[in-house]
């Protein structure tokens, strides 16, 4: 696959201009329990004013294994390379495993991303982190008045390449579904370090969820999170209402609102609010039209429309239109994709 793109950041886009990306992947099954994959991404920037004809990329491999006792393992390793003399290279590594049964799930992971690993080709966004994580979940689903009971315990501990603790978290979740109603309760304690200010924050929050899901036409849910985040008292609220008057048409309204205040001040102040209205219409089994309108507290407005059609098996046609209004500037983007699959 090859494509052309510019960086999302405006300053980087003006500095680098348009770059050519090339990506390739190879996947092969080895027996019935092992899969091996190879992937590579290359970026070529002919318009870079810092270093003409700059090129760099990343490549790696992954292995999946299905072990006895329903244990699935995944291992991935990737390294980046560059032709620039002043850029250092590094690597990223992750291994994770999981075991599932009808009522029980357990998993673990360990990952290590080097401080100089270049994530620009599109691999891992969080760098200079290493450490383990684990989770255990019990879930019981049944027919009757009580439909589901579940509980999960999870945690992780991450350091940087020098061994300095960057993040440590522990969370307990509990969910209960009775008839058409679902409730969720989840306290969490998370320690994390602000690298820019070199401040360690201890976040203590409680998540609450309530949902009503009748069989037809309408559903409603609201999510709340209350506690301390980044040294401030925080309250996050997200209500959502969905309507489906017919099998073909659906309409959804949602809002995300967060209010914070410093612990030394009694007055609450609003930090952010986003309201979104989404609609979708299914013309036929393989053709649909969807759109959304979004407005935020700082008067940013976004409009999005998508039309998709599978005009024959595994052959698709898409039209995407996106419009963004922010600070008196309007950005518009139109994307058209046509794919056709045939046998050679």
C-alpha atoms as a PDB file:
ATOM      1  CA  UNK A   1       0.000   0.000   0.000  1.00  0.00           C
ATOM      2  CA  UNK A   2       1.246   3.501  -0.855  1.00  0.00           C
ATOM      3  CA  UNK A   3      -0.233   6.891   0.016  1.00  0.00           C
ATOM      4  CA  UNK A   4       0.629  10.573   0.414  1.00  0.00           C
ATOM      5  CA  UNK A   5      -0.041  12.585   3.557  1.00  0.00           C
ATOM      6  CA  UNK A   6       1.010  15.640   5.541  1.00  0.00           C
ATOM      7  CA  UNK A   7       1.527  15.805   9.326  1.00  0.00           C
ATOM      8  CA  UNK A   8      -1.544  16.732  11.383  1.00  0.00           C
ATOM      9  CA  UNK A   9       0.297  19.518  13.193  1.00  0.00           C
ATOM     10  CA  UNK A  10       0.264  22.711  11.075  1.00  0.00           C
ATOM     11  CA  UNK A  11       3.876  23.679  11.856  1.00  0.00           C
ATOM     12  CA  UNK A  12       5.144  20.213  10.938  1.00  0.00           C
ATOM     13  CA  UNK A  13       3.016  20.258   7.782  1.00  0.00           C
ATOM     14  CA  UNK A  14       4.522  23.575   6.643  1.00  0.00           C
ATOM     15  CA  UNK A  15       8.038  22.387   7.446  1.00  0.00           C
ATOM     16  CA  UNK A  16       7.875  18.920   5.906  1.00  0.00           C
ATOM     17  CA  UNK A  17       5.242  19.250   3.204  1.00  0.00           C
ATOM     18  CA  UNK A  18       3.737  16.150   1.651  1.00  0.00           C
ATOM     19  CA  UNK A  19       5.380  12.783   2.357  1.00  0.00           C
ATOM     20  CA  UNK A  20       5.113   9.446   0.600  1.00  0.00           C
ATOM     21  CA  UNK A  21       4.247   6.444   2.791  1.00  0.00           C
ATOM     22  CA  UNK A  22       4.699   2.819   1.773  1.00  0.00           C
ATOM     23  CA  UNK A  23       3.430  -0.054   3.929  1.00  0.00           C
ATOM     24  CA  UNK A  24       3.593  -3.806   3.430  1.00  0.00           C
ATOM     25  CA  UNK A  25       2.495  -6.791   5.520  1.00  0.00           C
ATOM     26  CA  UNK A  26       2.914 -10.537   5.162  1.00  0.00           C
ATOM     27  CA  UNK A  27       0.913 -13.039   7.223  1.00  0.00           C
ATOM     28  CA  UNK A  28       1.240 -16.817   7.265  1.00  0.00           C
ATOM     29  CA  UNK A  29      -0.202 -19.619   9.370  1.00  0.00           C
ATOM     30  CA  UNK A  30       2.306 -22.240  10.506  1.00  0.00           C
ATOM     31  CA  UNK A  31       0.299 -25.310  11.382  1.00  0.00           C
ATOM     32  CA  UNK A  32      -2.972 -24.945  13.258  1.00  0.00           C
ATOM     33  CA  UNK A  33      -1.674 -23.123  16.342  1.00  0.00           C
ATOM     34  CA  UNK A  34       0.980 -20.616  15.191  1.00  0.00           C
ATOM     35  CA  UNK A  35       0.770 -17.515  13.004  1.00  0.00           C
ATOM     36  CA  UNK A  36       3.691 -15.343  11.873  1.00  0.00           C
ATOM     37  CA  UNK A  37       3.494 -11.845  10.416  1.00  0.00           C
ATOM     38  CA  UNK A  38       5.980  -9.325   9.013  1.00  0.00           C
ATOM     39  CA  UNK A  39       5.260  -5.618   8.577  1.00  0.00           C
ATOM     40  CA  UNK A  40       7.184  -2.614   7.310  1.00  0.00           C
ATOM     41  CA  UNK A  41       6.454   1.108   6.930  1.00  0.00           C
ATOM     42  CA  UNK A  42       8.631   3.610   5.071  1.00  0.00           C
ATOM     43  CA  UNK A  43       8.270   7.408   4.955  1.00  0.00           C
ATOM     44  CA  UNK A  44       9.957   9.478   2.248  1.00  0.00           C
ATOM     45  CA  UNK A  45       9.863  13.289   2.503  1.00  0.00           C
ATOM     46  CA  UNK A  46      11.235  14.947  -0.651  1.00  0.00           C
ATOM     47  CA  UNK A  47      10.040  18.434   0.414  1.00  0.00           C
ATOM     48  CA  UNK A  48      11.624  18.469   3.853  1.00  0.00           C
ATOM     49  CA  UNK A  49      13.565  21.747   4.228  1.00  0.00           C
ATOM     50  CA  UNK A  50      15.634  20.372   7.106  1.00  0.00           C
ATOM     51  CA  UNK A  51      17.095  17.466   5.177  1.00  0.00           C
ATOM     52  CA  UNK A  52      16.199  16.894   1.572  1.00  0.00           C
ATOM     53  CA  UNK A  53      15.036  13.434   0.591  1.00  0.00           C
ATOM     54  CA  UNK A  54      14.714  12.399   4.206  1.00  0.00           C
ATOM     55  CA  UNK A  55      13.608   8.805   4.646  1.00  0.00           C
ATOM     56  CA  UNK A  56      12.884   6.720   7.704  1.00  0.00           C
ATOM     57  CA  UNK A  57      10.519   3.974   8.743  1.00  0.00           C
ATOM     58  CA  UNK A  58       9.902   0.968  10.935  1.00  0.00           C
ATOM     59  CA  UNK A  59       9.624  -2.770  10.563  1.00  0.00           C
ATOM     60  CA  UNK A  60       8.963  -5.767  12.734  1.00  0.00           C
ATOM     61  CA  UNK A  61       7.375  -9.137  13.282  1.00  0.00           C
ATOM     62  CA  UNK A  62       4.586 -10.656  15.335  1.00  0.00           C
ATOM     63  CA  UNK A  63       3.802 -14.192  16.440  1.00  0.00           C
ATOM     64  CA  UNK A  64       0.465 -15.565  17.651  1.00  0.00           C
ATOM     65  CA  UNK A  65       0.199 -18.908  19.434  1.00  0.00           C
ATOM     66  CA  UNK A  66      -2.820 -20.914  20.555  1.00  0.00           C
ATOM     67  CA  UNK A  67      -1.604 -22.997  23.480  1.00  0.00           C
ATOM     68  CA  UNK A  68      -3.367 -25.800  25.349  1.00  0.00           C
ATOM     69  CA  UNK A  69      -5.970 -24.948  28.013  1.00  0.00           C
ATOM     70  CA  UNK A  70      -7.387 -22.125  25.815  1.00  0.00           C
ATOM     71  CA  UNK A  71      -4.354 -19.863  26.284  1.00  0.00           C
ATOM     72  CA  UNK A  72      -3.649 -17.356  23.491  1.00  0.00           C
ATOM     73  CA  UNK A  73      -0.250 -15.645  23.276  1.00  0.00           C
ATOM     74  CA  UNK A  74       0.838 -12.694  21.133  1.00  0.00           C
ATOM     75  CA  UNK A  75       4.389 -11.331  20.817  1.00  0.00           C
ATOM     76  CA  UNK A  76       5.364  -8.288  18.752  1.00  0.00           C
ATOM     77  CA  UNK A  77       8.694  -6.579  18.173  1.00  0.00           C
ATOM     78  CA  UNK A  78       9.428  -3.599  15.944  1.00  0.00           C
ATOM     79  CA  UNK A  79      12.372  -1.290  15.366  1.00  0.00           C
ATOM     80  CA  UNK A  80      12.748   2.000  13.526  1.00  0.00           C
ATOM     81  CA  UNK A  81      15.491   3.111  11.153  1.00  0.00           C
ATOM     82  CA  UNK A  82      16.556   6.439   9.636  1.00  0.00           C
ATOM     83  CA  UNK A  83      19.103   7.947   7.274  1.00  0.00           C
ATOM     84  CA  UNK A  84      19.501  11.095   9.357  1.00  0.00           C
ATOM     85  CA  UNK A  85      22.713  11.252  11.338  1.00  0.00           C
ATOM     86  CA  UNK A  86      21.286  13.217  14.267  1.00  0.00           C
ATOM     87  CA  UNK A  87      18.401  10.791  14.885  1.00  0.00           C
ATOM     88  CA  UNK A  88      18.758   7.814  17.205  1.00  0.00           C
ATOM     89  CA  UNK A  89      16.942   4.538  16.597  1.00  0.00           C
ATOM     90  CA  UNK A  90      15.218   2.279  19.105  1.00  0.00           C
ATOM     91  CA  UNK A  91      12.759  -0.603  19.358  1.00  0.00           C
ATOM     92  CA  UNK A  92       9.432  -1.562  20.894  1.00  0.00           C
ATOM     93  CA  UNK A  93       8.406  -4.934  22.297  1.00  0.00           C
ATOM     94  CA  UNK A  94       5.162  -6.349  23.690  1.00  0.00           C
ATOM     95  CA  UNK A  95       4.048  -9.781  24.838  1.00  0.00           C
ATOM     96  CA  UNK A  96       0.589 -10.607  26.125  1.00  0.00           C
ATOM     97  CA  UNK A  97      -1.421 -13.683  26.958  1.00  0.00           C
ATOM     98  CA  UNK A  98      -5.022 -14.452  27.773  1.00  0.00           C
ATOM     99  CA  UNK A  99      -7.121 -17.384  28.904  1.00  0.00           C
ATOM    100  CA  UNK A 100     -10.905 -17.449  28.546  1.00  0.00           C
ATOM    101  CA  UNK A 101     -13.642 -19.778  29.706  1.00  0.00           C
ATOM    102  CA  UNK A 102     -17.405 -19.421  29.984  1.00  0.00           C
ATOM    103  CA  UNK A 103     -17.243 -17.443  33.232  1.00  0.00           C
ATOM    104  CA  UNK A 104     -13.572 -16.613  33.807  1.00  0.00           C
ATOM    105  CA  UNK A 105     -10.948 -14.565  31.970  1.00  0.00           C
ATOM    106  CA  UNK A 106      -7.393 -13.743  32.972  1.00  0.00           C
ATOM    107  CA  UNK A 107      -4.683 -11.913  31.088  1.00  0.00           C
ATOM    108  CA  UNK A 108      -1.258 -10.358  31.407  1.00  0.00           C
ATOM    109  CA  UNK A 109       1.013  -8.172  29.313  1.00  0.00           C
ATOM    110  CA  UNK A 110       4.491  -6.701  29.348  1.00  0.00           C
ATOM    111  CA  UNK A 111       5.681  -4.016  26.975  1.00  0.00           C
ATOM    112  CA  UNK A 112       8.823  -1.944  26.510  1.00  0.00           C
ATOM    113  CA  UNK A 113       9.000   1.035  24.144  1.00  0.00           C
ATOM    114  CA  UNK A 114      12.379   2.726  23.891  1.00  0.00           C
ATOM    115  CA  UNK A 115      12.736   6.452  24.517  1.00  0.00           C
ATOM    116  CA  UNK A 116      14.075   7.014  20.973  1.00  0.00           C
ATOM    117  CA  UNK A 117      11.568   4.834  19.155  1.00  0.00           C
ATOM    118  CA  UNK A 118      10.023   6.854  16.319  1.00  0.00           C
ATOM    119  CA  UNK A 119       6.274   6.281  16.396  1.00  0.00           C
ATOM    120  CA  UNK A 120       5.520   8.568  13.443  1.00  0.00           C
ATOM    121  CA  UNK A 121       5.077   5.708  10.921  1.00  0.00           C
ATOM    122  CA  UNK A 122       2.073   4.650  12.991  1.00  0.00           C
ATOM    123  CA  UNK A 123       2.987   2.012  15.567  1.00  0.00           C
ATOM    124  CA  UNK A 124       2.963   3.020  19.247  1.00  0.00           C
ATOM    125  CA  UNK A 125       2.048   6.516  20.519  1.00  0.00           C
ATOM    126  CA  UNK A 126       3.362   6.213  24.109  1.00  0.00           C
ATOM    127  CA  UNK A 127       7.155   6.045  24.289  1.00  0.00           C
ATOM    128  CA  UNK A 128       9.749   5.436  26.991  1.00  0.00           C
ATOM    129  CA  UNK A 129       7.546   3.109  29.015  1.00  0.00           C
ATOM    130  CA  UNK A 130       8.105  -0.412  30.265  1.00  0.00           C
ATOM    131  CA  UNK A 131       6.331  -2.630  32.728  1.00  0.00           C
ATOM    132  CA  UNK A 132       3.728  -5.315  33.398  1.00  0.00           C
ATOM    133  CA  UNK A 133      -0.039  -5.295  33.613  1.00  0.00           C
ATOM    134  CA  UNK A 134      -2.625  -7.931  34.521  1.00  0.00           C
ATOM    135  CA  UNK A 135      -6.378  -8.382  34.830  1.00  0.00           C
ATOM    136  CA  UNK A 136      -8.804 -10.998  36.164  1.00  0.00           C
ATOM    137  CA  UNK A 137     -12.519 -11.061  35.336  1.00  0.00           C
ATOM    138  CA  UNK A 138     -15.486 -13.163  36.404  1.00  0.00           C
ATOM    139  CA  UNK A 139     -18.647 -12.991  34.278  1.00  0.00           C
ATOM    140  CA  UNK A 140     -21.923 -14.883  34.648  1.00  0.00           C
ATOM    141  CA  UNK A 141     -24.628 -14.522  31.989  1.00  0.00           C
ATOM    142  CA  UNK A 142     -27.990 -16.247  32.103  1.00  0.00           C
ATOM    143  CA  UNK A 143     -31.629 -16.002  31.045  1.00  0.00           C
ATOM    144  CA  UNK A 144     -34.044 -14.646  33.610  1.00  0.00           C
ATOM    145  CA  UNK A 145     -34.570 -11.562  35.721  1.00  0.00           C
ATOM    146  CA  UNK A 146     -30.861 -11.270  36.614  1.00  0.00           C
ATOM    147  CA  UNK A 147     -29.139 -11.357  33.241  1.00  0.00           C
ATOM    148  CA  UNK A 148     -25.500 -10.634  34.052  1.00  0.00           C
ATOM    149  CA  UNK A 149     -23.126 -10.341  36.985  1.00  0.00           C
ATOM    150  CA  UNK A 150     -19.493  -9.442  36.392  1.00  0.00           C
ATOM    151  CA  UNK A 151     -16.491  -8.195  38.307  1.00  0.00           C
ATOM    152  CA  UNK A 152     -12.951  -7.342  37.187  1.00  0.00           C
ATOM    153  CA  UNK A 153      -9.688  -6.518  38.934  1.00  0.00           C
ATOM    154  CA  UNK A 154      -6.883  -4.919  36.902  1.00  0.00           C
ATOM    155  CA  UNK A 155      -3.626  -3.079  37.455  1.00  0.00           C
ATOM    156  CA  UNK A 156      -0.334  -2.033  35.894  1.00  0.00           C
ATOM    157  CA  UNK A 157       3.026  -0.522  36.827  1.00  0.00           C
ATOM    158  CA  UNK A 158       5.104   1.425  34.293  1.00  0.00           C
ATOM    159  CA  UNK A 159       8.565   2.977  34.529  1.00  0.00           C
ATOM    160  CA  UNK A 160      10.770   4.821  32.059  1.00  0.00           C
ATOM    161  CA  UNK A 161      14.073   3.565  30.666  1.00  0.00           C
ATOM    162  CA  UNK A 162      15.903   4.851  33.773  1.00  0.00           C
ATOM    163  CA  UNK A 163      13.623   2.958  36.171  1.00  0.00           C
ATOM    164  CA  UNK A 164      11.698   6.046  37.341  1.00  0.00           C
ATOM    165  CA  UNK A 165       8.082   5.230  38.206  1.00  0.00           C
ATOM    166  CA  UNK A 166       5.773   6.946  35.690  1.00  0.00           C
ATOM    167  CA  UNK A 167       2.395   5.296  36.235  1.00  0.00           C
ATOM    168  CA  UNK A 168       0.813   2.849  38.650  1.00  0.00           C
ATOM    169  CA  UNK A 169      -2.877   1.988  38.749  1.00  0.00           C
ATOM    170  CA  UNK A 170      -5.365  -0.422  40.303  1.00  0.00           C
ATOM    171  CA  UNK A 171      -9.067  -0.701  39.474  1.00  0.00           C
ATOM    172  CA  UNK A 172     -12.032  -2.813  40.579  1.00  0.00           C
ATOM    173  CA  UNK A 173     -15.215  -2.996  38.476  1.00  0.00           C
ATOM    174  CA  UNK A 174     -18.616  -4.451  39.279  1.00  0.00           C
ATOM    175  CA  UNK A 175     -21.607  -4.663  36.887  1.00  0.00           C
ATOM    176  CA  UNK A 176     -25.139  -5.975  37.332  1.00  0.00           C
ATOM    177  CA  UNK A 177     -27.920  -6.330  34.731  1.00  0.00           C
ATOM    178  CA  UNK A 178     -31.487  -6.883  35.935  1.00  0.00           C
ATOM    179  CA  UNK A 179     -34.264  -7.037  33.340  1.00  0.00           C
ATOM    180  CA  UNK A 180     -33.725  -4.019  31.026  1.00  0.00           C
ATOM    181  CA  UNK A 181     -31.521  -2.087  33.479  1.00  0.00           C
ATOM    182  CA  UNK A 182     -27.742  -2.154  33.918  1.00  0.00           C
ATOM    183  CA  UNK A 183     -25.649  -0.551  36.667  1.00  0.00           C
ATOM    184  CA  UNK A 184     -21.862  -0.297  36.895  1.00  0.00           C
ATOM    185  CA  UNK A 185     -19.579   0.726  39.765  1.00  0.00           C
ATOM    186  CA  UNK A 186     -15.808   1.074  39.462  1.00  0.00           C
ATOM    187  CA  UNK A 187     -13.344   2.757  41.869  1.00  0.00           C
ATOM    188  CA  UNK A 188      -9.810   3.408  40.585  1.00  0.00           C
ATOM    189  CA  UNK A 189      -6.574   4.688  42.080  1.00  0.00           C
ATOM    190  CA  UNK A 190      -3.919   5.874  39.630  1.00  0.00           C
ATOM    191  CA  UNK A 191      -0.516   7.424  40.231  1.00  0.00           C
ATOM    192  CA  UNK A 192       1.059   9.193  37.260  1.00  0.00           C
ATOM    193  CA  UNK A 193       3.875  11.653  36.654  1.00  0.00           C
ATOM    194  CA  UNK A 194       3.601  14.891  34.658  1.00  0.00           C
ATOM    195  CA  UNK A 195       6.872  14.858  32.718  1.00  0.00           C
ATOM    196  CA  UNK A 196       6.740  18.545  31.745  1.00  0.00           C
ATOM    197  CA  UNK A 197       6.375  19.827  35.321  1.00  0.00           C
ATOM    198  CA  UNK A 198       7.902  16.773  37.067  1.00  0.00           C
ATOM    199  CA  UNK A 199       4.892  16.489  39.390  1.00  0.00           C
ATOM    200  CA  UNK A 200       3.430  13.212  40.633  1.00  0.00           C
ATOM    201  CA  UNK A 201      -0.374  13.128  40.813  1.00  0.00           C
ATOM    202  CA  UNK A 202      -2.492  10.557  42.607  1.00  0.00           C
ATOM    203  CA  UNK A 203      -5.912  10.284  40.973  1.00  0.00           C
ATOM    204  CA  UNK A 204      -8.741   8.692  42.945  1.00  0.00           C
ATOM    205  CA  UNK A 205     -12.003   8.359  41.028  1.00  0.00           C
ATOM    206  CA  UNK A 206     -15.267   6.436  41.113  1.00  0.00           C
ATOM    207  CA  UNK A 207     -17.099   5.571  37.887  1.00  0.00           C
ATOM    208  CA  UNK A 208     -20.883   5.125  37.912  1.00  0.00           C
ATOM    209  CA  UNK A 209     -23.025   3.959  34.997  1.00  0.00           C
ATOM    210  CA  UNK A 210     -26.760   3.500  34.658  1.00  0.00           C
ATOM    211  CA  UNK A 211     -28.445   2.238  31.497  1.00  0.00           C
ATOM    212  CA  UNK A 212     -31.933   1.371  30.333  1.00  0.00           C
ATOM    213  CA  UNK A 213     -32.085  -0.950  27.324  1.00  0.00           C
ATOM    214  CA  UNK A 214     -35.629  -2.047  26.441  1.00  0.00           C
ATOM    215  CA  UNK A 215     -36.036  -4.468  23.518  1.00  0.00           C
ATOM    216  CA  UNK A 216     -37.169  -1.900  20.947  1.00  0.00           C
ATOM    217  CA  UNK A 217     -37.096   1.726  19.756  1.00  0.00           C
ATOM    218  CA  UNK A 218     -35.292   3.540  22.589  1.00  0.00           C
ATOM    219  CA  UNK A 219     -32.393   3.256  25.019  1.00  0.00           C
ATOM    220  CA  UNK A 220     -30.878   5.675  27.529  1.00  0.00           C
ATOM    221  CA  UNK A 221     -27.679   5.657  29.543  1.00  0.00           C
ATOM    222  CA  UNK A 222     -25.582   8.026  31.614  1.00  0.00           C
ATOM    223  CA  UNK A 223     -21.964   7.704  32.730  1.00  0.00           C
ATOM    224  CA  UNK A 224     -20.497   9.653  35.651  1.00  0.00           C
ATOM    225  CA  UNK A 225     -16.965   9.838  36.993  1.00  0.00           C
ATOM    226  CA  UNK A 226     -16.249  11.740  40.199  1.00  0.00           C
ATOM    227  CA  UNK A 227     -13.042  12.228  42.167  1.00  0.00           C
ATOM    228  CA  UNK A 228      -9.588  13.798  41.948  1.00  0.00           C
ATOM    229  CA  UNK A 229      -7.650  14.140  38.660  1.00  0.00           C
ATOM    230  CA  UNK A 230      -4.342  15.959  38.187  1.00  0.00           C
ATOM    231  CA  UNK A 231      -4.608  17.591  41.604  1.00  0.00           C
ATOM    232  CA  UNK A 232      -8.123  18.911  40.967  1.00  0.00           C
ATOM    233  CA  UNK A 233     -11.587  17.783  41.931  1.00  0.00           C
ATOM    234  CA  UNK A 234     -13.316  16.541  38.791  1.00  0.00           C
ATOM    235  CA  UNK A 235     -16.817  15.586  37.711  1.00  0.00           C
ATOM    236  CA  UNK A 236     -17.374  14.055  34.287  1.00  0.00           C
ATOM    237  CA  UNK A 237     -20.875  13.354  32.958  1.00  0.00           C
ATOM    238  CA  UNK A 238     -21.957  11.773  29.666  1.00  0.00           C
ATOM    239  CA  UNK A 239     -25.694  11.181  28.992  1.00  0.00           C
ATOM    240  CA  UNK A 240     -26.816   9.400  25.830  1.00  0.00           C
ATOM    241  CA  UNK A 241     -30.241   8.753  24.268  1.00  0.00           C
ATOM    242  CA  UNK A 242     -30.776   6.519  21.213  1.00  0.00           C
ATOM    243  CA  UNK A 243     -33.937   6.280  19.113  1.00  0.00           C
ATOM    244  CA  UNK A 244     -34.674   3.645  16.486  1.00  0.00           C
ATOM    245  CA  UNK A 245     -38.234   4.186  15.213  1.00  0.00           C
ATOM    246  CA  UNK A 246     -37.707   1.761  12.301  1.00  0.00           C
ATOM    247  CA  UNK A 247     -35.255  -0.985  11.439  1.00  0.00           C
ATOM    248  CA  UNK A 248     -33.644   1.264   8.821  1.00  0.00           C
ATOM    249  CA  UNK A 249     -33.347   4.584  10.697  1.00  0.00           C
ATOM    250  CA  UNK A 250     -31.626   5.442  13.983  1.00  0.00           C
ATOM    251  CA  UNK A 251     -30.926   8.714  15.795  1.00  0.00           C
ATOM    252  CA  UNK A 252     -28.602   9.316  18.742  1.00  0.00           C
ATOM    253  CA  UNK A 253     -27.853  12.304  20.981  1.00  0.00           C
ATOM    254  CA  UNK A 254     -24.892  12.399  23.363  1.00  0.00           C
ATOM    255  CA  UNK A 255     -23.014  14.914  25.473  1.00  0.00           C
ATOM    256  CA  UNK A 256     -19.674  14.874  27.261  1.00  0.00           C
ATOM    257  CA  UNK A 257     -19.187  17.454  29.985  1.00  0.00           C
ATOM    258  CA  UNK A 258     -16.337  17.817  32.471  1.00  0.00           C
ATOM    259  CA  UNK A 259     -16.208  20.290  35.346  1.00  0.00           C
ATOM    260  CA  UNK A 260     -13.089  20.796  37.455  1.00  0.00           C
ATOM    261  CA  UNK A 261     -12.007  22.992  40.327  1.00  0.00           C
ATOM    262  CA  UNK A 262      -8.752  23.282  42.303  1.00  0.00           C
ATOM    263  CA  UNK A 263      -8.918  21.736  45.748  1.00  0.00           C
ATOM    264  CA  UNK A 264      -8.211  25.158  47.299  1.00  0.00           C
ATOM    265  CA  UNK A 265     -11.198  26.851  45.601  1.00  0.00           C
ATOM    266  CA  UNK A 266     -14.859  26.272  46.359  1.00  0.00           C
ATOM    267  CA  UNK A 267     -16.244  27.489  43.009  1.00  0.00           C
ATOM    268  CA  UNK A 268     -16.682  24.958  40.222  1.00  0.00           C
ATOM    269  CA  UNK A 269     -15.549  25.965  36.763  1.00  0.00           C
ATOM    270  CA  UNK A 270     -16.470  24.347  33.481  1.00  0.00           C
ATOM    271  CA  UNK A 271     -13.609  22.853  31.529  1.00  0.00           C
ATOM    272  CA  UNK A 272     -15.220  21.305  28.475  1.00  0.00           C
ATOM    273  CA  UNK A 273     -18.538  20.373  26.898  1.00  0.00           C
ATOM    274  CA  UNK A 274     -19.230  18.585  23.616  1.00  0.00           C
ATOM    275  CA  UNK A 275     -22.684  17.821  22.193  1.00  0.00           C
ATOM    276  CA  UNK A 276     -23.163  15.410  19.310  1.00  0.00           C
ATOM    277  CA  UNK A 277     -26.142  14.368  17.165  1.00  0.00           C
ATOM    278  CA  UNK A 278     -25.785  11.297  14.933  1.00  0.00           C
ATOM    279  CA  UNK A 279     -28.143   9.760  12.375  1.00  0.00           C
ATOM    280  CA  UNK A 280     -27.944   6.620  10.247  1.00  0.00           C
ATOM    281  CA  UNK A 281     -30.153   5.214   7.507  1.00  0.00           C
ATOM    282  CA  UNK A 282     -29.792   1.722   6.071  1.00  0.00           C
ATOM    283  CA  UNK A 283     -30.951   1.805   2.432  1.00  0.00           C
ATOM    284  CA  UNK A 284     -30.421  -1.901   1.849  1.00  0.00           C
ATOM    285  CA  UNK A 285     -28.514  -4.744   3.396  1.00  0.00           C
ATOM    286  CA  UNK A 286     -25.222  -3.472   1.934  1.00  0.00           C
ATOM    287  CA  UNK A 287     -25.805   0.288   1.588  1.00  0.00           C
ATOM    288  CA  UNK A 288     -26.066   2.994   4.273  1.00  0.00           C
ATOM    289  CA  UNK A 289     -25.787   6.738   4.905  1.00  0.00           C
ATOM    290  CA  UNK A 290     -24.681   8.220   8.225  1.00  0.00           C
ATOM    291  CA  UNK A 291     -23.956  11.717   9.455  1.00  0.00           C
ATOM    292  CA  UNK A 292     -23.139  13.640  12.612  1.00  0.00           C
ATOM    293  CA  UNK A 293     -23.054  17.225  13.876  1.00  0.00           C
ATOM    294  CA  UNK A 294     -20.878  18.232  16.825  1.00  0.00           C
ATOM    295  CA  UNK A 295     -20.508  21.472  18.771  1.00  0.00           C
ATOM    296  CA  UNK A 296     -18.224  22.235  21.716  1.00  0.00           C
ATOM    297  CA  UNK A 297     -18.215  24.857  24.454  1.00  0.00           C
ATOM    298  CA  UNK A 298     -15.575  26.918  22.596  1.00  0.00           C
ATOM    299  CA  UNK A 299     -17.839  27.119  19.492  1.00  0.00           C
ATOM    300  CA  UNK A 300     -15.945  24.520  17.501  1.00  0.00           C
ATOM    301  CA  UNK A 301     -18.332  22.843  15.043  1.00  0.00           C
ATOM    302  CA  UNK A 302     -17.821  19.670  13.055  1.00  0.00           C
ATOM    303  CA  UNK A 303     -20.011  18.024  10.400  1.00  0.00           C
ATOM    304  CA  UNK A 304     -19.386  14.535   9.078  1.00  0.00           C
ATOM    305  CA  UNK A 305     -21.179  12.511   6.374  1.00  0.00           C
ATOM    306  CA  UNK A 306     -20.399   8.963   5.230  1.00  0.00           C
ATOM    307  CA  UNK A 307     -21.976   6.904   2.473  1.00  0.00           C
ATOM    308  CA  UNK A 308     -20.923   3.282   2.059  1.00  0.00           C
ATOM    309  CA  UNK A 309     -21.997   0.509  -0.258  1.00  0.00           C
ATOM    310  CA  UNK A 310     -20.847  -3.068  -0.790  1.00  0.00           C
ATOM    311  CA  UNK A 311     -21.920  -3.283  -4.421  1.00  0.00           C
ATOM    312  CA  UNK A 312     -20.615  -6.838  -4.733  1.00  0.00           C
ATOM    313  CA  UNK A 313     -19.056  -9.293  -2.228  1.00  0.00           C
ATOM    314  CA  UNK A 314     -15.882  -7.783  -0.735  1.00  0.00           C
ATOM    315  CA  UNK A 315     -16.006  -4.796  -3.119  1.00  0.00           C
ATOM    316  CA  UNK A 316     -16.808  -1.405  -1.567  1.00  0.00           C
ATOM    317  CA  UNK A 317     -17.543   2.202  -2.466  1.00  0.00           C
ATOM    318  CA  UNK A 318     -17.166   4.982   0.143  1.00  0.00           C
ATOM    319  CA  UNK A 319     -17.684   8.748   0.133  1.00  0.00           C
ATOM    320  CA  UNK A 320     -16.613  10.698   3.246  1.00  0.00           C
ATOM    321  CA  UNK A 321     -17.133  14.440   3.786  1.00  0.00           C
ATOM    322  CA  UNK A 322     -15.809  16.274   6.840  1.00  0.00           C
ATOM    323  CA  UNK A 323     -16.198  19.970   7.667  1.00  0.00           C
ATOM    324  CA  UNK A 324     -14.630  21.734  10.667  1.00  0.00           C
ATOM    325  CA  UNK A 325     -15.301  25.306  11.872  1.00  0.00           C
ATOM    326  CA  UNK A 326     -12.848  26.589  14.496  1.00  0.00           C
ATOM    327  CA  UNK A 327     -11.742  30.129  15.399  1.00  0.00           C
ATOM    328  CA  UNK A 328     -13.251  31.580  12.230  1.00  0.00           C
ATOM    329  CA  UNK A 329     -11.471  29.098   9.959  1.00  0.00           C
ATOM    330  CA  UNK A 330     -13.279  26.430   7.951  1.00  0.00           C
ATOM    331  CA  UNK A 331     -11.582  23.208   6.836  1.00  0.00           C
ATOM    332  CA  UNK A 332     -13.262  20.836   4.398  1.00  0.00           C
ATOM    333  CA  UNK A 333     -12.163  17.380   3.303  1.00  0.00           C
ATOM    334  CA  UNK A 334     -13.650  14.959   0.779  1.00  0.00           C
ATOM    335  CA  UNK A 335     -12.495  11.348   0.514  1.00  0.00           C
ATOM    336  CA  UNK A 336     -13.632   8.839  -2.115  1.00  0.00           C
ATOM    337  CA  UNK A 337     -12.627   5.169  -2.093  1.00  0.00           C
ATOM    338  CA  UNK A 338     -13.475   2.421  -4.561  1.00  0.00           C
ATOM    339  CA  UNK A 339     -12.268  -1.148  -4.049  1.00  0.00           C
ATOM    340  CA  UNK A 340     -12.861  -4.102  -6.333  1.00  0.00           C
ATOM    341  CA  UNK A 341     -11.901  -7.700  -5.675  1.00  0.00           C
ATOM    342  CA  UNK A 342     -11.546 -10.248  -8.425  1.00  0.00           C
ATOM    343  CA  UNK A 343      -9.872 -13.582  -8.946  1.00  0.00           C
ATOM    344  CA  UNK A 344      -6.756 -13.789 -11.101  1.00  0.00           C
END
